[in-house]
C-alpha cells in the first residue's frame, strides 16, 4: 500500500496518528498542497477531488476520505481497536467522530479557508474555484467556540470523546483543536475538562505523527 500525505494538512494528519497508534508503516508520498500539486493531471488520476489523504491499495485501487481509509486499515489491523469493541461502542465512536467533523473541523475549515489570503479563490477544497465569503469565516469562528463548549461538556463524565476508549473520535478532535490554533482560536479558559483531555491525548507519542 501507498499513502498520499501532506505533512502540513490536518486531514492526512488524522490518518498518520491512526497509523502510529496501530504501529503501521506505509510507503508515503508527500503531495505539495502549497504549490498546487493536488491539481496536477497526475494527481487527478489518483483522486479527482484533488485532496489528500489517499490510500493506494495493492490492487491499484484508491481510497480517499479519512474515515474510509481508517476503517479499511482497522479491518486489516484490528488491534488495538480505534473504532470500538462492541456494536454499541462502534456506533458511539462513529457518532462522535461525525459530530467532531461537523461541529468542529468543518467550522474551523470555514473560518480558515474564508480568511486566509492564499485561498482567496479556493475557499472550498477541491478542483473547482469558490471565492471566499467573509461572513462564513466569522460564523465559523463562533461555531468553533460552541464546539469547544460541547466537547468540554462531553468530557465531563468521559475520559475520551466517545467514552472510556481512545478512538478515531479523539484523533479527529485533536486535529480540530490544533487546526483552530492556526487562526488563533484557543480553548476557553474555563473548559477544564477539555484542557485535561487535550493534555492527555497530546502526550501520546502518536500525536506528533
N, C-alpha and C. Protein backbone atom coordinates (compact mmCIF):
# COMPACT_ATOMS: atom_id res chain seq x y z
N UNK A 1 0.84 -1.20 0.00
CA UNK A 1 0.00 0.00 0.00
C UNK A 1 0.87 1.25 0.00
N UNK A 2 0.28 2.34 -0.46
CA UNK A 2 0.99 3.61 -0.53
C UNK A 2 0.06 4.72 -0.02
N UNK A 3 0.62 5.59 0.83
CA UNK A 3 -0.16 6.64 1.46
C UNK A 3 0.23 8.00 0.91
N UNK A 4 -0.75 8.72 0.36
CA UNK A 4 -0.52 10.07 -0.15
C UNK A 4 -0.88 11.07 0.95
N UNK A 5 0.12 11.84 1.33
CA UNK A 5 0.07 12.63 2.55
C UNK A 5 0.44 14.08 2.24
N UNK A 6 0.20 14.96 3.20
CA UNK A 6 0.78 16.29 3.20
C UNK A 6 1.02 16.65 4.65
N UNK A 7 2.26 16.81 5.03
CA UNK A 7 2.65 16.99 6.43
C UNK A 7 2.00 18.21 7.07
N UNK A 8 1.60 19.20 6.26
CA UNK A 8 1.08 20.44 6.83
C UNK A 8 -0.44 20.49 6.92
N UNK A 9 -1.12 19.45 6.47
CA UNK A 9 -2.59 19.49 6.40
C UNK A 9 -3.21 18.66 7.53
N UNK A 10 -4.34 19.11 8.09
CA UNK A 10 -4.95 18.40 9.22
C UNK A 10 -5.61 17.07 8.87
N UNK A 11 -6.17 16.94 7.67
CA UNK A 11 -6.87 15.69 7.34
C UNK A 11 -5.93 14.50 7.26
N UNK A 12 -4.85 14.56 6.49
CA UNK A 12 -3.94 13.42 6.47
C UNK A 12 -3.27 13.18 7.82
N UNK A 13 -3.16 14.24 8.64
CA UNK A 13 -2.60 14.04 9.98
C UNK A 13 -3.42 13.05 10.78
N UNK A 14 -4.72 13.08 10.61
CA UNK A 14 -5.58 12.13 11.31
C UNK A 14 -5.22 10.69 10.96
N UNK A 15 -4.92 10.45 9.69
CA UNK A 15 -4.53 9.11 9.27
C UNK A 15 -3.14 8.77 9.82
N UNK A 16 -2.24 9.75 9.83
CA UNK A 16 -0.90 9.49 10.37
C UNK A 16 -0.97 9.09 11.84
N UNK A 17 -1.82 9.78 12.61
CA UNK A 17 -1.97 9.43 14.02
C UNK A 17 -2.54 8.02 14.15
N UNK A 18 -3.53 7.71 13.33
CA UNK A 18 -4.12 6.38 13.32
C UNK A 18 -3.06 5.32 13.02
N UNK A 19 -2.26 5.56 12.01
CA UNK A 19 -1.19 4.62 11.66
C UNK A 19 -0.21 4.44 12.82
N UNK A 20 0.15 5.54 13.47
CA UNK A 20 1.10 5.48 14.59
C UNK A 20 0.52 4.69 15.75
N UNK A 21 -0.77 4.88 16.03
CA UNK A 21 -1.41 4.13 17.11
C UNK A 21 -1.42 2.64 16.81
N UNK A 22 -1.55 2.30 15.55
CA UNK A 22 -1.59 0.89 15.14
C UNK A 22 -0.19 0.29 14.96
N UNK A 23 0.81 1.16 14.86
CA UNK A 23 2.15 0.68 14.56
C UNK A 23 2.31 0.23 13.12
N UNK A 24 1.55 0.86 12.21
CA UNK A 24 1.59 0.51 10.79
C UNK A 24 2.55 1.46 10.07
N UNK A 25 3.42 0.91 9.27
CA UNK A 25 4.33 1.73 8.46
C UNK A 25 3.98 1.51 6.98
N UNK A 26 3.76 2.62 6.27
CA UNK A 26 3.40 2.55 4.86
C UNK A 26 4.36 3.41 4.03
N UNK A 27 4.56 3.01 2.80
CA UNK A 27 5.26 3.87 1.87
C UNK A 27 4.44 5.15 1.72
N UNK A 28 5.11 6.29 1.84
CA UNK A 28 4.40 7.57 1.85
C UNK A 28 4.89 8.49 0.75
N UNK A 29 3.95 9.15 0.10
CA UNK A 29 4.25 10.15 -0.93
C UNK A 29 3.71 11.49 -0.43
N UNK A 30 4.59 12.49 -0.33
CA UNK A 30 4.16 13.82 0.09
C UNK A 30 3.63 14.59 -1.12
N UNK A 31 2.43 15.13 -0.97
CA UNK A 31 1.80 15.94 -2.02
C UNK A 31 1.91 17.39 -1.58
N UNK A 32 2.54 18.22 -2.39
CA UNK A 32 2.80 19.62 -2.04
C UNK A 32 1.56 20.46 -2.32
N UNK A 33 0.71 20.63 -1.31
CA UNK A 33 -0.52 21.40 -1.49
C UNK A 33 -0.21 22.88 -1.72
N UNK A 34 0.86 23.36 -1.12
CA UNK A 34 1.21 24.77 -1.25
C UNK A 34 1.50 25.18 -2.68
N UNK A 35 2.10 24.28 -3.44
CA UNK A 35 2.43 24.58 -4.83
C UNK A 35 1.31 24.19 -5.79
N UNK A 36 0.23 23.58 -5.25
CA UNK A 36 -0.88 23.17 -6.10
C UNK A 36 -0.70 21.83 -6.77
N UNK A 37 0.18 20.99 -6.22
CA UNK A 37 0.42 19.68 -6.84
C UNK A 37 -0.85 18.83 -6.89
N UNK A 38 -1.77 19.08 -5.95
CA UNK A 38 -3.01 18.30 -5.92
C UNK A 38 -3.89 18.54 -7.14
N UNK A 39 -3.62 19.64 -7.87
CA UNK A 39 -4.40 19.95 -9.06
C UNK A 39 -3.74 19.45 -10.34
N UNK A 40 -2.60 18.81 -10.22
CA UNK A 40 -1.88 18.34 -11.40
C UNK A 40 -2.63 17.19 -12.06
N UNK A 41 -2.36 17.00 -13.34
CA UNK A 41 -3.01 15.92 -14.08
C UNK A 41 -2.68 14.56 -13.47
N UNK A 42 -1.44 14.42 -13.00
CA UNK A 42 -1.01 13.15 -12.42
C UNK A 42 -1.80 12.83 -11.15
N UNK A 43 -1.98 13.84 -10.29
CA UNK A 43 -2.69 13.56 -9.05
C UNK A 43 -4.19 13.43 -9.27
N UNK A 44 -4.73 14.14 -10.25
CA UNK A 44 -6.16 14.00 -10.54
C UNK A 44 -6.52 12.56 -10.92
N UNK A 45 -5.56 11.82 -11.49
CA UNK A 45 -5.81 10.42 -11.81
C UNK A 45 -5.89 9.58 -10.54
N UNK A 46 -5.22 10.04 -9.49
CA UNK A 46 -5.24 9.35 -8.20
C UNK A 46 -6.50 9.72 -7.43
N UNK A 47 -6.80 11.02 -7.39
CA UNK A 47 -8.00 11.49 -6.72
C UNK A 47 -8.55 12.72 -7.45
N UNK A 48 -9.59 12.56 -8.23
CA UNK A 48 -10.15 13.68 -8.99
C UNK A 48 -10.72 14.78 -8.10
N UNK A 49 -10.89 14.50 -6.80
CA UNK A 49 -11.34 15.53 -5.86
C UNK A 49 -10.21 16.47 -5.45
N UNK A 50 -8.98 16.11 -5.84
CA UNK A 50 -7.81 16.97 -5.62
C UNK A 50 -7.55 17.27 -4.15
N UNK A 51 -7.69 16.25 -3.30
CA UNK A 51 -7.41 16.41 -1.88
C UNK A 51 -6.67 15.18 -1.36
N UNK A 52 -6.02 15.37 -0.24
CA UNK A 52 -5.41 14.26 0.49
C UNK A 52 -6.13 14.16 1.83
N UNK A 53 -6.12 12.96 2.45
CA UNK A 53 -5.28 11.80 2.17
C UNK A 53 -5.89 10.87 1.12
N UNK A 54 -5.01 10.03 0.58
CA UNK A 54 -5.42 8.95 -0.32
C UNK A 54 -4.59 7.73 0.04
N UNK A 55 -5.23 6.57 0.05
CA UNK A 55 -4.53 5.31 0.26
C UNK A 55 -4.62 4.49 -1.02
N UNK A 56 -3.46 4.17 -1.58
CA UNK A 56 -3.41 3.31 -2.76
C UNK A 56 -3.27 1.87 -2.30
N UNK A 57 -4.20 1.02 -2.71
CA UNK A 57 -4.18 -0.38 -2.31
C UNK A 57 -3.25 -1.19 -3.20
N UNK A 58 -2.92 -2.38 -2.75
CA UNK A 58 -2.01 -3.23 -3.52
C UNK A 58 -2.59 -3.64 -4.86
N UNK A 59 -3.91 -3.60 -4.99
CA UNK A 59 -4.54 -3.97 -6.26
C UNK A 59 -4.69 -2.78 -7.20
N UNK A 60 -4.15 -1.62 -6.80
CA UNK A 60 -4.21 -0.45 -7.66
C UNK A 60 -5.41 0.45 -7.45
N UNK A 61 -6.33 0.04 -6.58
CA UNK A 61 -7.49 0.88 -6.28
C UNK A 61 -7.09 1.97 -5.28
N UNK A 62 -7.86 3.05 -5.26
CA UNK A 62 -7.57 4.17 -4.36
C UNK A 62 -8.74 4.40 -3.41
N UNK A 63 -8.40 4.68 -2.16
CA UNK A 63 -9.38 5.08 -1.16
C UNK A 63 -9.06 6.50 -0.72
N UNK A 64 -10.07 7.35 -0.72
CA UNK A 64 -9.91 8.68 -0.14
C UNK A 64 -10.91 8.80 1.01
N UNK A 65 -10.90 9.92 1.71
CA UNK A 65 -11.72 10.19 2.90
C UNK A 65 -11.11 9.49 4.11
N UNK A 66 -10.92 10.28 5.16
CA UNK A 66 -10.20 9.82 6.35
C UNK A 66 -10.85 8.58 6.96
N UNK A 67 -12.14 8.63 7.20
CA UNK A 67 -12.80 7.53 7.90
C UNK A 67 -12.77 6.26 7.05
N UNK A 68 -12.93 6.38 5.75
CA UNK A 68 -12.88 5.20 4.88
C UNK A 68 -11.50 4.54 4.93
N UNK A 69 -10.46 5.36 4.89
CA UNK A 69 -9.10 4.83 4.96
C UNK A 69 -8.86 4.15 6.30
N UNK A 70 -9.24 4.83 7.38
CA UNK A 70 -9.01 4.27 8.71
C UNK A 70 -9.83 3.00 8.93
N UNK A 71 -11.06 2.98 8.43
CA UNK A 71 -11.89 1.79 8.59
C UNK A 71 -11.28 0.60 7.85
N UNK A 72 -10.76 0.84 6.67
CA UNK A 72 -10.11 -0.22 5.90
C UNK A 72 -8.92 -0.78 6.68
N UNK A 73 -8.11 0.12 7.22
CA UNK A 73 -6.94 -0.32 7.97
C UNK A 73 -7.32 -1.01 9.27
N UNK A 74 -8.41 -0.57 9.88
CA UNK A 74 -8.90 -1.24 11.10
C UNK A 74 -9.28 -2.68 10.81
N UNK A 75 -9.86 -2.92 9.62
CA UNK A 75 -10.22 -4.29 9.24
C UNK A 75 -8.98 -5.16 9.07
N UNK A 76 -7.92 -4.56 8.53
CA UNK A 76 -6.68 -5.32 8.32
C UNK A 76 -5.89 -5.50 9.61
N UNK A 77 -5.92 -4.47 10.45
CA UNK A 77 -5.13 -4.47 11.68
C UNK A 77 -6.07 -4.13 12.85
N UNK A 78 -6.83 -5.10 13.33
CA UNK A 78 -7.89 -4.81 14.31
C UNK A 78 -7.41 -4.41 15.70
N UNK A 79 -6.16 -4.68 16.03
CA UNK A 79 -5.67 -4.35 17.36
C UNK A 79 -4.53 -3.33 17.28
N UNK A 80 -4.52 -2.36 18.19
CA UNK A 80 -5.59 -2.03 19.14
C UNK A 80 -6.76 -1.37 18.41
N UNK A 81 -7.96 -1.66 18.85
CA UNK A 81 -9.12 -1.10 18.16
C UNK A 81 -9.21 0.40 18.37
N UNK A 82 -9.55 1.10 17.31
CA UNK A 82 -9.76 2.54 17.39
C UNK A 82 -11.16 2.92 16.93
N UNK A 83 -12.00 1.90 16.71
CA UNK A 83 -13.39 2.11 16.31
C UNK A 83 -14.38 1.53 17.31
N UNK A 84 -13.90 0.88 18.34
CA UNK A 84 -14.80 0.33 19.34
C UNK A 84 -14.77 -1.18 19.40
N UNK A 85 -15.20 -1.72 20.57
CA UNK A 85 -15.09 -3.15 20.82
C UNK A 85 -16.42 -3.89 20.71
N UNK A 86 -17.51 -3.17 20.83
CA UNK A 86 -18.85 -3.77 20.76
C UNK A 86 -19.68 -3.00 19.73
N UNK A 87 -20.82 -3.56 19.30
CA UNK A 87 -21.65 -2.82 18.35
C UNK A 87 -22.04 -1.44 18.87
N UNK A 88 -22.42 -1.34 20.14
CA UNK A 88 -22.81 -0.04 20.68
C UNK A 88 -21.62 0.92 20.73
N UNK A 89 -20.48 0.41 21.14
CA UNK A 89 -19.29 1.26 21.23
C UNK A 89 -18.86 1.73 19.85
N UNK A 90 -18.92 0.84 18.86
CA UNK A 90 -18.55 1.25 17.50
C UNK A 90 -19.49 2.32 16.98
N UNK A 91 -20.78 2.16 17.24
CA UNK A 91 -21.75 3.17 16.81
C UNK A 91 -21.51 4.50 17.51
N UNK A 92 -21.16 4.45 18.78
CA UNK A 92 -20.90 5.67 19.55
C UNK A 92 -19.66 6.38 19.03
N UNK A 93 -18.63 5.61 18.72
CA UNK A 93 -17.40 6.20 18.17
C UNK A 93 -17.70 6.89 16.85
N UNK A 94 -18.44 6.21 15.97
CA UNK A 94 -18.78 6.80 14.67
C UNK A 94 -19.65 8.05 14.84
N UNK A 95 -20.58 8.00 15.78
CA UNK A 95 -21.43 9.15 16.04
C UNK A 95 -20.61 10.36 16.47
N UNK A 96 -19.71 10.16 17.43
CA UNK A 96 -18.93 11.29 17.93
C UNK A 96 -17.89 11.75 16.92
N UNK A 97 -17.37 10.83 16.14
CA UNK A 97 -16.45 11.25 15.09
C UNK A 97 -17.17 12.17 14.10
N UNK A 98 -18.41 11.82 13.76
CA UNK A 98 -19.19 12.66 12.85
C UNK A 98 -19.49 14.02 13.48
N UNK A 99 -19.83 14.03 14.77
CA UNK A 99 -20.09 15.31 15.46
C UNK A 99 -18.85 16.19 15.45
N UNK A 100 -17.69 15.59 15.71
CA UNK A 100 -16.44 16.36 15.72
C UNK A 100 -16.17 16.94 14.33
N UNK A 101 -16.41 16.14 13.31
CA UNK A 101 -16.21 16.65 11.94
C UNK A 101 -17.16 17.79 11.64
N UNK A 102 -18.44 17.58 11.91
CA UNK A 102 -19.46 18.55 11.53
C UNK A 102 -19.40 19.83 12.36
N UNK A 103 -19.27 19.67 13.67
CA UNK A 103 -19.31 20.82 14.57
C UNK A 103 -17.96 21.49 14.74
N UNK A 104 -16.89 20.70 14.59
CA UNK A 104 -15.56 21.22 14.84
C UNK A 104 -14.72 21.45 13.60
N UNK A 105 -14.36 20.39 12.93
CA UNK A 105 -13.45 20.50 11.79
C UNK A 105 -14.03 21.34 10.67
N UNK A 106 -15.32 21.16 10.38
CA UNK A 106 -15.93 21.94 9.30
C UNK A 106 -16.00 23.41 9.68
N UNK A 107 -16.25 23.68 10.96
CA UNK A 107 -16.31 25.07 11.41
C UNK A 107 -14.94 25.75 11.31
N UNK A 108 -13.89 25.04 11.74
CA UNK A 108 -12.54 25.60 11.63
C UNK A 108 -12.19 25.80 10.17
N UNK A 109 -12.55 24.85 9.32
CA UNK A 109 -12.24 24.96 7.90
C UNK A 109 -12.93 26.19 7.29
N UNK A 110 -14.18 26.45 7.68
CA UNK A 110 -14.86 27.64 7.19
C UNK A 110 -14.12 28.90 7.62
N UNK A 111 -13.74 28.95 8.89
CA UNK A 111 -13.05 30.13 9.40
C UNK A 111 -11.70 30.31 8.72
N UNK A 112 -10.99 29.21 8.51
CA UNK A 112 -9.66 29.27 7.91
C UNK A 112 -9.71 29.57 6.42
N UNK A 113 -10.48 28.79 5.69
CA UNK A 113 -10.45 28.89 4.23
C UNK A 113 -11.13 30.16 3.71
N UNK A 114 -11.96 30.77 4.52
CA UNK A 114 -12.61 32.01 4.10
C UNK A 114 -11.91 33.26 4.61
N UNK A 115 -10.71 33.11 5.16
CA UNK A 115 -10.00 34.27 5.67
C UNK A 115 -8.53 34.34 5.25
N UNK A 116 -7.94 33.21 4.88
CA UNK A 116 -6.53 33.17 4.50
C UNK A 116 -6.35 33.67 3.07
N UNK A 117 -5.47 34.64 2.87
CA UNK A 117 -5.32 35.27 1.56
C UNK A 117 -4.95 34.28 0.46
N UNK A 118 -4.13 33.31 0.80
CA UNK A 118 -3.69 32.35 -0.21
C UNK A 118 -4.84 31.52 -0.78
N UNK A 119 -5.97 31.51 -0.08
CA UNK A 119 -7.11 30.71 -0.52
C UNK A 119 -8.26 31.57 -1.04
N UNK A 120 -7.95 32.77 -1.48
CA UNK A 120 -8.98 33.71 -1.93
C UNK A 120 -9.92 33.09 -2.95
N UNK A 121 -9.37 32.33 -3.88
CA UNK A 121 -10.18 31.72 -4.94
C UNK A 121 -10.41 30.23 -4.73
N UNK A 122 -10.04 29.74 -3.56
CA UNK A 122 -10.17 28.30 -3.30
C UNK A 122 -10.69 28.07 -1.89
N UNK A 123 -11.83 28.69 -1.60
CA UNK A 123 -12.39 28.63 -0.25
C UNK A 123 -12.97 27.27 0.10
N UNK A 124 -13.18 26.44 -0.91
CA UNK A 124 -13.69 25.09 -0.69
C UNK A 124 -12.68 24.11 -1.28
N UNK A 125 -12.26 23.10 -0.51
CA UNK A 125 -11.30 22.13 -1.07
C UNK A 125 -11.85 21.47 -2.31
N UNK A 126 -10.97 21.20 -3.27
CA UNK A 126 -11.40 20.50 -4.46
C UNK A 126 -10.99 21.20 -5.74
N UNK A 127 -11.40 20.67 -6.88
CA UNK A 127 -10.92 21.16 -8.17
C UNK A 127 -11.60 22.44 -8.66
N UNK A 128 -12.72 22.82 -8.04
CA UNK A 128 -13.47 23.98 -8.51
C UNK A 128 -13.14 25.22 -7.68
N UNK A 129 -13.18 26.37 -8.32
CA UNK A 129 -12.87 27.63 -7.64
C UNK A 129 -14.12 28.22 -6.97
N UNK A 130 -13.96 28.59 -5.71
CA UNK A 130 -15.02 29.26 -4.97
C UNK A 130 -14.41 30.43 -4.22
N UNK A 131 -14.99 31.61 -4.39
CA UNK A 131 -14.50 32.79 -3.71
C UNK A 131 -14.80 32.72 -2.21
N UNK A 132 -13.96 33.39 -1.45
CA UNK A 132 -14.16 33.45 -0.02
C UNK A 132 -15.42 34.26 0.33
N UNK A 133 -16.04 33.88 1.42
CA UNK A 133 -17.18 34.61 1.96
C UNK A 133 -16.82 35.00 3.39
N UNK A 134 -16.48 36.26 3.63
CA UNK A 134 -16.03 36.67 4.96
C UNK A 134 -17.02 36.32 6.07
N UNK A 135 -18.32 36.37 5.77
CA UNK A 135 -19.31 36.05 6.79
C UNK A 135 -19.20 34.59 7.26
N UNK A 136 -18.77 33.70 6.35
CA UNK A 136 -18.59 32.31 6.74
C UNK A 136 -17.41 32.15 7.68
N UNK A 137 -16.39 32.98 7.49
CA UNK A 137 -15.25 32.94 8.40
C UNK A 137 -15.68 33.37 9.79
N UNK A 138 -16.45 34.43 9.87
CA UNK A 138 -16.94 34.92 11.17
C UNK A 138 -17.84 33.89 11.83
N UNK A 139 -18.75 33.32 11.05
CA UNK A 139 -19.64 32.31 11.61
C UNK A 139 -18.85 31.08 12.05
N UNK A 140 -17.83 30.70 11.27
CA UNK A 140 -17.02 29.56 11.61
C UNK A 140 -16.33 29.72 12.95
N UNK A 141 -15.82 30.91 13.22
CA UNK A 141 -15.15 31.17 14.50
C UNK A 141 -16.14 31.03 15.66
N UNK A 142 -17.36 31.51 15.48
CA UNK A 142 -18.37 31.37 16.53
C UNK A 142 -18.72 29.91 16.75
N UNK A 143 -18.83 29.17 15.65
CA UNK A 143 -19.16 27.74 15.76
C UNK A 143 -18.06 26.96 16.47
N UNK A 144 -16.82 27.34 16.24
CA UNK A 144 -15.72 26.66 16.93
C UNK A 144 -15.84 26.87 18.44
N UNK A 145 -16.18 28.09 18.85
CA UNK A 145 -16.37 28.36 20.27
C UNK A 145 -17.45 27.48 20.87
N UNK A 146 -18.56 27.31 20.15
CA UNK A 146 -19.64 26.44 20.62
C UNK A 146 -19.21 24.98 20.64
N UNK A 147 -18.39 24.59 19.67
CA UNK A 147 -17.88 23.22 19.62
C UNK A 147 -17.02 22.93 20.84
N UNK A 148 -16.18 23.86 21.22
CA UNK A 148 -15.33 23.66 22.39
C UNK A 148 -16.19 23.46 23.65
N UNK A 149 -17.25 24.24 23.78
CA UNK A 149 -18.14 24.09 24.93
C UNK A 149 -18.82 22.72 24.92
N UNK A 150 -19.26 22.30 23.73
CA UNK A 150 -19.93 20.99 23.62
C UNK A 150 -18.96 19.87 23.99
N UNK A 151 -17.75 19.97 23.52
CA UNK A 151 -16.76 18.94 23.79
C UNK A 151 -16.39 18.92 25.27
N UNK A 152 -16.29 20.10 25.87
CA UNK A 152 -15.98 20.18 27.30
C UNK A 152 -17.08 19.49 28.11
N UNK A 153 -18.32 19.69 27.72
CA UNK A 153 -19.43 19.02 28.41
C UNK A 153 -19.38 17.51 28.25
N UNK A 154 -19.08 17.04 27.06
CA UNK A 154 -19.00 15.61 26.81
C UNK A 154 -17.89 14.96 27.64
N UNK A 155 -16.81 15.70 27.83
CA UNK A 155 -15.65 15.16 28.54
C UNK A 155 -15.77 15.28 30.05
N UNK A 156 -16.86 15.86 30.53
CA UNK A 156 -17.05 15.99 31.98
C UNK A 156 -17.18 14.62 32.65
N UNK A 157 -17.83 13.69 31.96
CA UNK A 157 -18.06 12.36 32.54
C UNK A 157 -17.41 11.24 31.73
N UNK A 158 -16.52 11.62 30.80
CA UNK A 158 -15.87 10.63 29.95
C UNK A 158 -14.38 10.91 29.85
N UNK A 159 -13.58 9.85 29.89
CA UNK A 159 -12.13 10.02 29.74
C UNK A 159 -11.78 10.46 28.33
N UNK A 160 -12.56 9.96 27.37
CA UNK A 160 -12.30 10.27 25.97
C UNK A 160 -13.58 10.74 25.29
N UNK A 161 -13.46 11.18 24.07
CA UNK A 161 -14.58 11.81 23.39
C UNK A 161 -15.79 10.89 23.28
N UNK A 162 -15.57 9.61 22.99
CA UNK A 162 -16.67 8.68 22.80
C UNK A 162 -16.87 7.74 23.98
N UNK A 163 -16.28 8.05 25.12
CA UNK A 163 -16.41 7.19 26.29
C UNK A 163 -15.08 6.93 26.95
N UNK A 164 -14.83 5.67 27.33
CA UNK A 164 -13.58 5.36 28.02
C UNK A 164 -12.49 4.87 27.08
N UNK A 165 -12.79 4.77 25.79
CA UNK A 165 -11.83 4.24 24.82
C UNK A 165 -11.25 5.35 23.95
N UNK A 166 -9.93 5.41 23.86
CA UNK A 166 -9.29 6.31 22.89
C UNK A 166 -9.64 5.80 21.50
N UNK A 167 -10.11 6.69 20.63
CA UNK A 167 -10.64 6.25 19.34
C UNK A 167 -10.38 7.28 18.25
N UNK A 168 -10.90 6.98 17.06
CA UNK A 168 -10.78 7.91 15.95
C UNK A 168 -11.47 9.23 16.25
N UNK A 169 -12.45 9.23 17.16
CA UNK A 169 -13.12 10.47 17.56
C UNK A 169 -12.14 11.40 18.29
N UNK A 170 -11.27 10.83 19.12
CA UNK A 170 -10.25 11.63 19.79
C UNK A 170 -9.23 12.17 18.79
N UNK A 171 -8.89 11.35 17.81
CA UNK A 171 -7.94 11.79 16.79
C UNK A 171 -8.51 12.98 16.02
N UNK A 172 -9.79 12.89 15.66
CA UNK A 172 -10.44 13.98 14.94
C UNK A 172 -10.50 15.24 15.80
N UNK A 173 -10.82 15.08 17.08
CA UNK A 173 -10.93 16.22 17.97
C UNK A 173 -9.59 16.89 18.20
N UNK A 174 -8.54 16.09 18.35
CA UNK A 174 -7.19 16.66 18.49
C UNK A 174 -6.83 17.47 17.27
N UNK A 175 -7.12 16.91 16.09
CA UNK A 175 -6.83 17.64 14.85
C UNK A 175 -7.62 18.94 14.79
N UNK A 176 -8.86 18.92 15.26
CA UNK A 176 -9.69 20.13 15.23
C UNK A 176 -9.15 21.21 16.15
N UNK A 177 -8.77 20.83 17.37
CA UNK A 177 -8.23 21.81 18.32
C UNK A 177 -6.94 22.42 17.80
N UNK A 178 -6.06 21.59 17.26
CA UNK A 178 -4.78 22.10 16.74
C UNK A 178 -4.99 22.93 15.48
N UNK A 179 -5.94 22.53 14.65
CA UNK A 179 -6.26 23.28 13.44
C UNK A 179 -6.78 24.67 13.81
N UNK A 180 -7.60 24.75 14.85
CA UNK A 180 -8.14 26.04 15.29
C UNK A 180 -7.03 26.99 15.73
N UNK A 181 -5.96 26.44 16.26
CA UNK A 181 -4.86 27.29 16.72
C UNK A 181 -4.17 28.00 15.56
N UNK A 182 -4.33 27.46 14.34
CA UNK A 182 -3.74 28.11 13.15
C UNK A 182 -4.31 29.51 12.98
N UNK A 183 -5.57 29.69 13.37
CA UNK A 183 -6.20 31.01 13.21
C UNK A 183 -6.47 31.62 14.59
N UNK A 184 -5.63 31.21 15.55
CA UNK A 184 -5.61 31.81 16.88
C UNK A 184 -6.94 31.68 17.63
N UNK A 185 -7.61 30.54 17.45
CA UNK A 185 -8.78 30.23 18.26
C UNK A 185 -8.34 29.25 19.34
N UNK A 186 -8.40 29.68 20.58
CA UNK A 186 -7.93 28.87 21.69
C UNK A 186 -9.10 28.25 22.44
N UNK A 187 -8.79 27.20 23.17
CA UNK A 187 -9.79 26.59 24.03
C UNK A 187 -10.18 27.59 25.11
N UNK A 188 -11.46 27.66 25.49
CA UNK A 188 -11.87 28.57 26.56
C UNK A 188 -11.11 28.29 27.85
N UNK A 189 -10.80 29.33 28.58
CA UNK A 189 -10.04 29.16 29.82
C UNK A 189 -10.80 28.36 30.86
N UNK A 190 -12.11 28.39 30.81
CA UNK A 190 -12.91 27.68 31.81
C UNK A 190 -13.28 26.26 31.37
N UNK A 191 -12.73 25.80 30.24
CA UNK A 191 -13.03 24.46 29.74
C UNK A 191 -12.04 23.46 30.34
N UNK A 192 -12.20 23.19 31.64
CA UNK A 192 -11.24 22.36 32.36
C UNK A 192 -11.22 20.92 31.85
N UNK A 193 -12.38 20.40 31.50
CA UNK A 193 -12.44 19.01 31.02
C UNK A 193 -11.74 18.88 29.67
N UNK A 194 -11.96 19.85 28.81
CA UNK A 194 -11.32 19.85 27.50
C UNK A 194 -9.81 19.99 27.65
N UNK A 195 -9.37 20.84 28.55
CA UNK A 195 -7.94 21.04 28.77
C UNK A 195 -7.29 19.77 29.31
N UNK A 196 -7.98 19.09 30.24
CA UNK A 196 -7.46 17.83 30.78
C UNK A 196 -7.30 16.79 29.69
N UNK A 197 -8.35 16.65 28.87
CA UNK A 197 -8.30 15.69 27.76
C UNK A 197 -7.21 16.05 26.76
N UNK A 198 -7.11 17.33 26.40
CA UNK A 198 -6.14 17.75 25.40
C UNK A 198 -4.71 17.47 25.88
N UNK A 199 -4.44 17.74 27.12
CA UNK A 199 -3.10 17.46 27.65
C UNK A 199 -2.80 15.97 27.59
N UNK A 200 -3.80 15.17 27.91
CA UNK A 200 -3.63 13.72 27.92
C UNK A 200 -3.36 13.18 26.52
N UNK A 201 -4.20 13.54 25.55
CA UNK A 201 -4.02 12.97 24.21
C UNK A 201 -2.79 13.56 23.51
N UNK A 202 -2.42 14.78 23.85
CA UNK A 202 -1.24 15.39 23.23
C UNK A 202 0.05 14.72 23.68
N UNK A 203 0.01 14.05 24.83
CA UNK A 203 1.20 13.36 25.34
C UNK A 203 1.41 12.01 24.67
N UNK A 204 0.40 11.50 23.98
CA UNK A 204 0.56 10.22 23.31
C UNK A 204 1.60 10.36 22.21
N UNK A 205 2.51 9.42 22.05
CA UNK A 205 3.54 9.52 21.00
C UNK A 205 2.96 9.74 19.61
N UNK A 206 1.77 9.20 19.36
CA UNK A 206 1.16 9.33 18.03
C UNK A 206 0.81 10.77 17.68
N UNK A 207 0.63 11.63 18.69
CA UNK A 207 0.19 13.00 18.44
C UNK A 207 1.19 13.79 17.61
N UNK A 208 2.44 13.37 17.62
CA UNK A 208 3.47 14.07 16.84
C UNK A 208 3.66 13.48 15.45
N UNK A 209 2.80 12.54 15.08
CA UNK A 209 2.93 11.89 13.77
C UNK A 209 2.66 12.87 12.64
